[in-house]
């Protein structure tokens, strides 16, 4: 598990609309983590939370449909 993998995941989420949509359509966090791991990314929830807490609102909006529950972060209810 690594911060580097989490960074690579966030980059792909920002730049690959098809991937972002596929991840966003998955019903549960557990299923999303499984999908993301199969896509070659290996990081913990803590690692991704740390990185997303450093993003601006605009950057976070681009990955909001992603792997973590963003509730309570950067204005998300």
Protein backbone atom coordinates (compact mmCIF):
# COMPACT_ATOMS: atom_id res chain seq x y z
CA UNK A 1 0.00 0.00 0.00
CA UNK A 2 1.35 3.36 -0.80
CA UNK A 3 0.82 7.07 -1.03
CA UNK A 4 2.30 6.91 -4.54
CA UNK A 5 -0.41 4.50 -5.63
CA UNK A 6 -3.07 6.77 -4.10
CA UNK A 7 -1.59 9.75 -5.98
CA UNK A 8 -1.64 7.79 -9.24
CA UNK A 9 -5.26 6.83 -8.60
CA UNK A 10 -6.27 10.46 -8.02
CA UNK A 11 -4.51 11.50 -11.23
CA UNK A 12 -6.38 8.85 -13.18
CA UNK A 13 -9.66 9.90 -11.58
CA UNK A 14 -9.01 13.51 -12.60
CA UNK A 15 -7.94 12.72 -16.15
CA UNK A 16 -9.85 9.60 -17.23
CA UNK A 17 -13.58 10.30 -17.41
CA UNK A 18 -14.50 6.71 -18.35
CA UNK A 19 -12.56 5.29 -15.39
CA UNK A 20 -14.02 7.94 -13.05
CA UNK A 21 -17.55 7.09 -14.22
CA UNK A 22 -17.01 3.34 -13.79
CA UNK A 23 -15.68 3.84 -10.27
CA UNK A 24 -18.54 6.21 -9.43
CA UNK A 25 -21.16 3.69 -10.54
CA UNK A 26 -20.03 1.05 -8.05
CA UNK A 27 -22.46 0.82 -5.16
CA UNK A 28 -20.28 0.34 -2.10
CA UNK A 29 -16.89 1.49 -0.89
CA UNK A 30 -15.79 -2.13 -0.49
CA UNK A 31 -16.70 -2.93 -4.10
CA UNK A 32 -14.96 0.24 -5.31
CA UNK A 33 -11.80 -0.69 -3.39
CA UNK A 34 -11.86 -4.16 -4.99
CA UNK A 35 -12.30 -2.65 -8.49
CA UNK A 36 -9.54 -0.11 -7.93
CA UNK A 37 -7.18 -2.78 -6.61
CA UNK A 38 -7.85 -4.90 -9.71
CA UNK A 39 -7.05 -1.80 -11.80
CA UNK A 40 -3.57 -1.82 -10.26
CA UNK A 41 -3.88 0.66 -7.39
CA UNK A 42 -3.03 -0.38 -3.83
CA UNK A 43 -3.58 2.09 -1.00
CA UNK A 44 -5.43 2.34 2.28
CA UNK A 45 -8.44 4.47 3.08
CA UNK A 46 -6.22 6.51 5.40
CA UNK A 47 -3.77 7.24 2.57
CA UNK A 48 -6.49 8.44 0.20
CA UNK A 49 -8.17 10.49 2.93
CA UNK A 50 -4.86 12.20 3.68
CA UNK A 51 -4.34 13.09 0.03
CA UNK A 52 -7.90 14.27 -0.59
CA UNK A 53 -7.77 16.47 2.49
CA UNK A 54 -5.00 18.38 0.72
CA UNK A 55 -7.07 19.01 -2.44
CA UNK A 56 -8.91 22.19 -3.29
CA UNK A 57 -12.70 22.10 -3.62
CA UNK A 58 -12.34 22.11 -7.42
CA UNK A 59 -9.86 19.23 -7.40
CA UNK A 60 -11.98 17.25 -4.97
CA UNK A 61 -15.06 17.75 -7.13
CA UNK A 62 -13.27 15.95 -9.96
CA UNK A 63 -12.75 12.83 -7.86
CA UNK A 64 -15.84 13.01 -5.64
CA UNK A 65 -17.47 10.04 -7.35
CA UNK A 66 -14.43 8.02 -6.45
CA UNK A 67 -13.21 5.66 -3.85
CA UNK A 68 -13.94 7.38 -0.56
CA UNK A 69 -16.88 8.91 1.19
CA UNK A 70 -16.13 12.62 1.06
CA UNK A 71 -18.79 13.57 3.58
CA UNK A 72 -17.69 16.36 5.81
CA UNK A 73 -14.73 17.28 3.59
CA UNK A 74 -14.47 20.56 1.70
CA UNK A 75 -18.16 21.36 2.00
CA UNK A 76 -19.57 17.96 1.08
CA UNK A 77 -22.54 17.11 3.27
